[in-house]
Amino acid sequence: MSIVPEDADLQMQWNRWLKRKNTAARDHLIVHYSPLVKFVAGRVGAGLPSSVDVGDLIGSGVFGLMDAIDRFEPDRGVKFETFAVPRIRGAIYDGLRQLDWVPRSVRSRARDVERAFSELEHKLGRAPSDEELAEQLRITEKELAKWLSSIASTTIGPLDRAIAAGAEPASADDAAHHSPSAVVEDRELSMLMRTEIKRLPEREKLVLSLYYDEGLTLAEIGQVLGVTESRVSQIHTKSVLHLRSRLAAAGVG
């Protein structure tokens, strides 16, 4: 199977790289697909504090793009953009974790909310409401909303990466670059994630589906649900913390 080119020059550059490993062709491909890095970095950076430089995200994402070009095999029938996006996103997450920009107080609040979810679900046998969650945390619902807003920028960690990767089955190419045990663990995590997402309250499940599966922005999801973008951000954060608490209960993470 050959790549469907946007133009003859792009096809030529791919052929030069895939068949002869020509470094000039690789450089051409990196430049050609660089807008893809900017798009992914923009999506990831949309919910982050202004102190996080989008340029840093793009810089990290380029490493993911380079990795994707090096590992791409068109005969597998996967479009390059589809293959590259998860790797670009993963490289950006790795870069963010190295920056360690999340304040300790925000991390503490995130753990408190996760703990409250776990305790209430064990006690009630169902997902708690915002009112019940706030009461467990000994704060008001208004304060809970503020907490979720402040935590929102931390939800791009390993869990988000796992959710996003869950839509893409592990390939033989991935297996060649990771230990067998790591590949099995990734598959098991993805399966567990999908199972737990189905158990979420409908609105939380819908937000995750629209964001990760349909690729809508938070603002677009707000239009679908008839709520503000900030409210969607809070629902998204709540659903991610909800899932984290369940994964922790299952001994994951």
Protein backbone atom coordinates (compact mmCIF):
# COMPACT_ATOMS: atom_id res chain seq x y z
CA MET A 1 0.00 0.00 0.00
CA SER A 2 1.34 3.44 -0.88
CA ILE A 3 0.77 6.71 0.90
CA VAL A 4 -1.92 8.90 -0.63
CA PRO A 5 0.11 12.08 -1.19
CA GLU A 6 -1.05 15.65 -0.98
CA ASP A 7 1.37 16.33 -3.81
CA ALA A 8 4.04 14.51 -5.81
CA ASP A 9 6.86 16.16 -3.87
CA LEU A 10 5.55 14.84 -0.54
CA GLN A 11 5.29 11.33 -2.01
CA MET A 12 8.86 11.64 -3.26
CA GLN A 13 10.14 12.74 0.15
CA TRP A 14 8.40 9.82 1.86
CA ASN A 15 9.90 7.40 -0.67
CA ARG A 16 13.38 8.85 -0.17
CA TRP A 17 13.03 8.50 3.60
CA LEU A 18 11.36 5.08 3.73
CA LYS A 19 13.57 3.43 1.12
CA ARG A 20 16.93 5.18 1.55
CA LYS A 21 16.67 6.85 4.98
CA ASN A 22 17.70 10.14 3.38
CA THR A 23 18.10 12.68 6.21
CA ALA A 24 17.23 15.64 3.99
CA ALA A 25 13.93 13.95 3.16
CA ARG A 26 13.29 13.39 6.88
CA ASP A 27 13.91 17.09 7.54
CA HIS A 28 11.45 17.96 4.78
CA LEU A 29 8.79 15.73 6.36
CA ILE A 30 9.34 17.29 9.79
CA VAL A 31 8.78 20.76 8.36
CA HIS A 32 5.77 19.63 6.32
CA TYR A 33 3.99 18.07 9.32
CA SER A 34 5.01 20.74 11.85
CA PRO A 35 1.50 22.33 11.75
CA LEU A 36 0.24 19.06 13.23
CA VAL A 37 2.50 19.64 16.25
CA LYS A 38 1.18 23.18 16.65
CA PHE A 39 -2.42 21.90 16.49
CA VAL A 40 -1.87 19.24 19.17
CA ALA A 41 0.13 21.63 21.37
CA GLY A 42 -2.65 24.20 21.06
CA ARG A 43 -5.24 21.67 22.17
CA VAL A 44 -3.18 20.49 25.13
CA GLY A 45 -2.25 24.04 26.10
CA ALA A 46 -5.80 25.41 25.95
CA GLY A 47 -6.54 24.52 29.57
CA LEU A 48 -3.13 25.29 31.03
CA PRO A 49 -2.05 28.34 33.04
CA SER A 50 -0.61 31.25 31.05
CA SER A 51 2.74 30.57 32.73
CA VAL A 52 3.14 27.47 30.55
CA ASP A 53 4.82 28.52 27.29
CA VAL A 54 3.16 27.00 24.23
CA GLY A 55 6.59 27.13 22.61
CA ASP A 56 7.79 24.58 25.16
CA LEU A 57 4.88 22.32 24.28
CA ILE A 58 5.67 22.59 20.58
CA GLY A 59 9.34 21.88 21.27
CA SER A 60 8.42 18.67 23.10
CA GLY A 61 5.87 17.73 20.45
CA VAL A 62 8.48 17.89 17.68
CA PHE A 63 10.28 14.97 19.32
CA GLY A 64 7.04 12.98 19.11
CA LEU A 65 6.72 13.90 15.42
CA MET A 66 10.29 12.78 14.73
CA ASP A 67 9.62 9.49 16.49
CA ALA A 68 6.45 8.99 14.43
CA ILE A 69 8.32 9.61 11.15
CA ASP A 70 11.05 7.18 12.17
CA ARG A 71 8.57 4.44 13.09
CA PHE A 72 5.87 4.92 10.45
CA GLU A 73 5.10 1.93 8.21
CA PRO A 74 2.57 2.84 5.48
CA ASP A 75 1.96 -0.83 4.62
CA ARG A 76 -0.02 -1.14 7.86
CA GLY A 77 -2.77 0.95 6.25
CA VAL A 78 -2.83 3.69 8.90
CA LYS A 79 -2.81 7.34 7.84
CA PHE A 80 0.33 9.12 9.03
CA GLU A 81 -1.57 11.84 10.89
CA THR A 82 -3.54 9.18 12.80
CA PHE A 83 -0.30 7.41 13.68
CA ALA A 84 1.53 10.60 14.67
CA VAL A 85 -0.98 12.46 16.87
CA PRO A 86 -0.84 10.10 19.91
CA ARG A 87 2.97 10.18 19.79
CA ILE A 88 3.09 13.96 19.56
CA ARG A 89 0.62 14.24 22.44
CA GLY A 90 2.59 11.74 24.51
CA ALA A 91 5.84 13.65 23.99
CA ILE A 92 4.12 16.87 25.11
CA TYR A 93 2.83 15.18 28.28
CA ASP A 94 6.34 13.88 29.01
CA GLY A 95 7.71 17.41 28.61
CA LEU A 96 5.07 18.85 30.94
CA ARG A 97 5.85 16.32 33.65
CA GLN A 98 9.50 17.33 33.47
CA LEU A 99 8.53 21.00 33.91
CA ASP A 100 6.68 20.12 37.17
CA TRP A 101 4.63 23.33 36.98
CA VAL A 102 1.64 22.23 39.08
CA PRO A 103 1.50 23.94 42.52
CA ARG A 104 1.61 21.62 45.53
CA SER A 105 -1.69 23.01 46.84
CA VAL A 106 -3.46 22.03 43.60
CA ARG A 107 -2.01 18.51 43.72
CA SER A 108 -3.25 18.23 47.31
CA ARG A 109 -6.78 19.30 46.36
CA ALA A 110 -6.84 16.81 43.49
CA ARG A 111 -5.91 14.00 45.90
CA ASP A 112 -8.60 15.17 48.34
CA VAL A 113 -11.28 15.05 45.63
CA GLU A 114 -10.14 11.61 44.48
CA ARG A 115 -10.26 10.36 48.08
CA ALA A 116 -13.74 11.82 48.57
CA PHE A 117 -14.96 10.08 45.40
CA SER A 118 -13.58 6.77 46.62
CA GLU A 119 -15.05 7.05 50.13
CA LEU A 120 -18.48 8.14 48.90
CA GLU A 121 -18.76 5.48 46.20
CA HIS A 122 -17.87 2.82 48.78
CA LYS A 123 -20.45 4.25 51.18
CA LEU A 124 -23.27 5.03 48.71
CA GLY A 125 -22.74 2.31 46.13
CA ARG A 126 -23.07 4.89 43.33
CA ALA A 127 -21.48 8.03 41.94
CA PRO A 128 -21.88 10.99 44.34
CA SER A 129 -23.55 14.25 43.39
CA ASP A 130 -21.73 17.59 43.52
CA GLU A 131 -23.61 18.38 46.72
CA GLU A 132 -22.52 15.12 48.36
CA LEU A 133 -18.95 15.57 47.16
CA ALA A 134 -18.77 19.10 48.56
CA GLU A 135 -20.23 17.95 51.88
CA GLN A 136 -17.65 15.16 52.13
CA LEU A 137 -14.89 17.72 51.50
CA ARG A 138 -16.50 20.11 53.99
CA ILE A 139 -16.73 22.91 51.46
CA THR A 140 -19.60 24.57 49.57
CA GLU A 141 -20.61 23.61 46.04
CA LYS A 142 -19.31 26.99 44.88
CA GLU A 143 -15.94 26.24 46.45
CA LEU A 144 -15.97 22.80 44.81
CA ALA A 145 -16.43 24.46 41.43
CA LYS A 146 -13.40 26.67 42.17
CA TRP A 147 -11.39 23.64 43.21
CA LEU A 148 -12.24 21.84 39.98
CA SER A 149 -11.27 24.89 37.95
CA SER A 150 -7.88 25.11 39.68
CA ILE A 151 -7.32 21.37 39.25
CA ALA A 152 -8.33 21.43 35.57
CA SER A 153 -4.79 22.07 34.35
CA THR A 154 -3.48 18.98 36.14
CA THR A 155 -5.79 16.53 34.38
CA ILE A 156 -3.50 16.15 31.39
CA GLY A 157 -1.30 13.69 33.23
CA PRO A 158 -0.98 9.92 32.76
CA LEU A 159 -4.74 9.31 32.91
CA ASP A 160 -5.57 11.62 30.01
CA ARG A 161 -2.78 10.01 28.05
CA ALA A 162 -4.19 6.57 28.80
CA ILE A 163 -7.70 7.62 27.77
CA ALA A 164 -6.45 9.07 24.51
CA ALA A 165 -4.30 6.03 23.78
CA GLY A 166 -7.22 3.74 24.56
CA ALA A 167 -8.76 4.56 21.18
CA GLU A 168 -5.66 3.27 19.38
CA PRO A 169 -4.91 -0.46 19.76
CA ALA A 170 -1.31 -1.39 20.49
CA SER A 171 0.41 -2.35 17.23
CA ALA A 172 3.19 -4.81 16.44
CA ASP A 173 5.39 -1.77 15.85
CA ASP A 174 4.77 -0.64 19.42
CA ALA A 175 5.54 -4.13 20.68
CA ALA A 176 8.90 -4.02 18.97
CA HIS A 177 9.85 -0.89 20.94
CA HIS A 178 8.45 -1.89 24.35
CA SER A 179 8.83 -4.91 26.59
CA PRO A 180 6.06 -7.55 26.30
CA SER A 181 5.00 -6.91 29.90
CA ALA A 182 4.66 -3.16 29.26
CA VAL A 183 2.51 -3.79 26.18
CA VAL A 184 0.24 -6.12 28.16
CA GLU A 185 -0.04 -3.57 30.97
CA ASP A 186 -0.97 -0.83 28.49
CA ARG A 187 -3.68 -3.02 26.95
CA GLU A 188 -5.07 -3.98 30.35
CA LEU A 189 -5.13 -0.32 31.43
CA SER A 190 -6.93 0.71 28.25
CA MET A 191 -9.53 -2.03 28.74
CA LEU A 192 -10.02 -1.04 32.38
CA MET A 193 -10.32 2.62 31.40
CA ARG A 194 -13.04 1.88 28.85
CA THR A 195 -14.93 -0.27 31.36
CA GLU A 196 -14.82 2.41 34.04
CA ILE A 197 -15.82 5.19 31.62
CA LYS A 198 -19.02 3.26 30.83
CA ARG A 199 -19.88 3.32 34.55
CA LEU A 200 -19.62 7.10 34.86
CA PRO A 201 -22.71 9.34 35.17
CA GLU A 202 -24.12 10.19 31.74
CA ARG A 203 -22.93 13.80 31.59
CA GLU A 204 -19.36 12.92 32.60
CA LYS A 205 -19.33 10.04 30.10
CA LEU A 206 -20.64 12.33 27.35
CA VAL A 207 -18.00 14.99 27.97
CA LEU A 208 -15.18 12.43 27.80
CA SER A 209 -16.63 10.89 24.64
CA LEU A 210 -17.00 14.24 22.86
CA TYR A 211 -13.52 15.36 23.92
CA TYR A 212 -11.50 12.20 23.29
CA ASP A 213 -13.49 10.27 20.68
CA GLU A 214 -15.05 13.11 18.67
CA GLY A 215 -12.17 15.57 19.13
CA LEU A 216 -14.36 18.53 20.12
CA THR A 217 -12.90 21.44 22.06
CA LEU A 218 -14.27 22.36 25.49
CA ALA A 219 -16.01 25.38 23.94
CA GLU A 220 -17.67 23.18 21.30
CA ILE A 221 -18.81 20.70 23.95
CA GLY A 222 -20.29 23.64 25.86
CA GLN A 223 -22.38 24.53 22.82
CA VAL A 224 -23.61 20.93 22.56
CA LEU A 225 -24.57 20.77 26.25
CA GLY A 226 -25.79 24.37 26.50
CA VAL A 227 -23.34 25.30 29.28
CA THR A 228 -20.27 27.52 29.54
CA GLU A 229 -16.78 26.37 28.58
CA SER A 230 -15.65 26.73 32.20
CA ARG A 231 -18.47 24.41 33.32
CA VAL A 232 -17.41 21.83 30.73
CA SER A 233 -13.85 22.12 32.05
CA GLN A 234 -15.13 21.43 35.57
CA ILE A 235 -17.15 18.39 34.41
CA HIS A 236 -14.13 17.09 32.50
CA THR A 237 -11.90 17.51 35.53
CA LYS A 238 -14.44 15.87 37.82
CA SER A 239 -14.77 12.88 35.48
CA VAL A 240 -10.99 12.43 35.27
CA LEU A 241 -10.61 12.58 39.06
CA HIS A 242 -13.54 10.18 39.34
CA LEU A 243 -11.74 7.73 37.07
CA ARG A 244 -8.46 8.18 38.92
CA SER A 245 -10.14 7.27 42.20
CA ARG A 246 -11.53 4.08 40.63
CA LEU A 247 -8.17 3.15 39.12
CA ALA A 248 -6.53 3.68 42.49
CA ALA A 249 -9.14 1.43 44.09
CA ALA A 250 -8.31 -1.18 41.45
CA GLY A 251 -4.62 -0.90 42.32
CA VAL A 252 -3.64 1.00 39.16
CA GLY A 253 -1.43 4.11 39.10
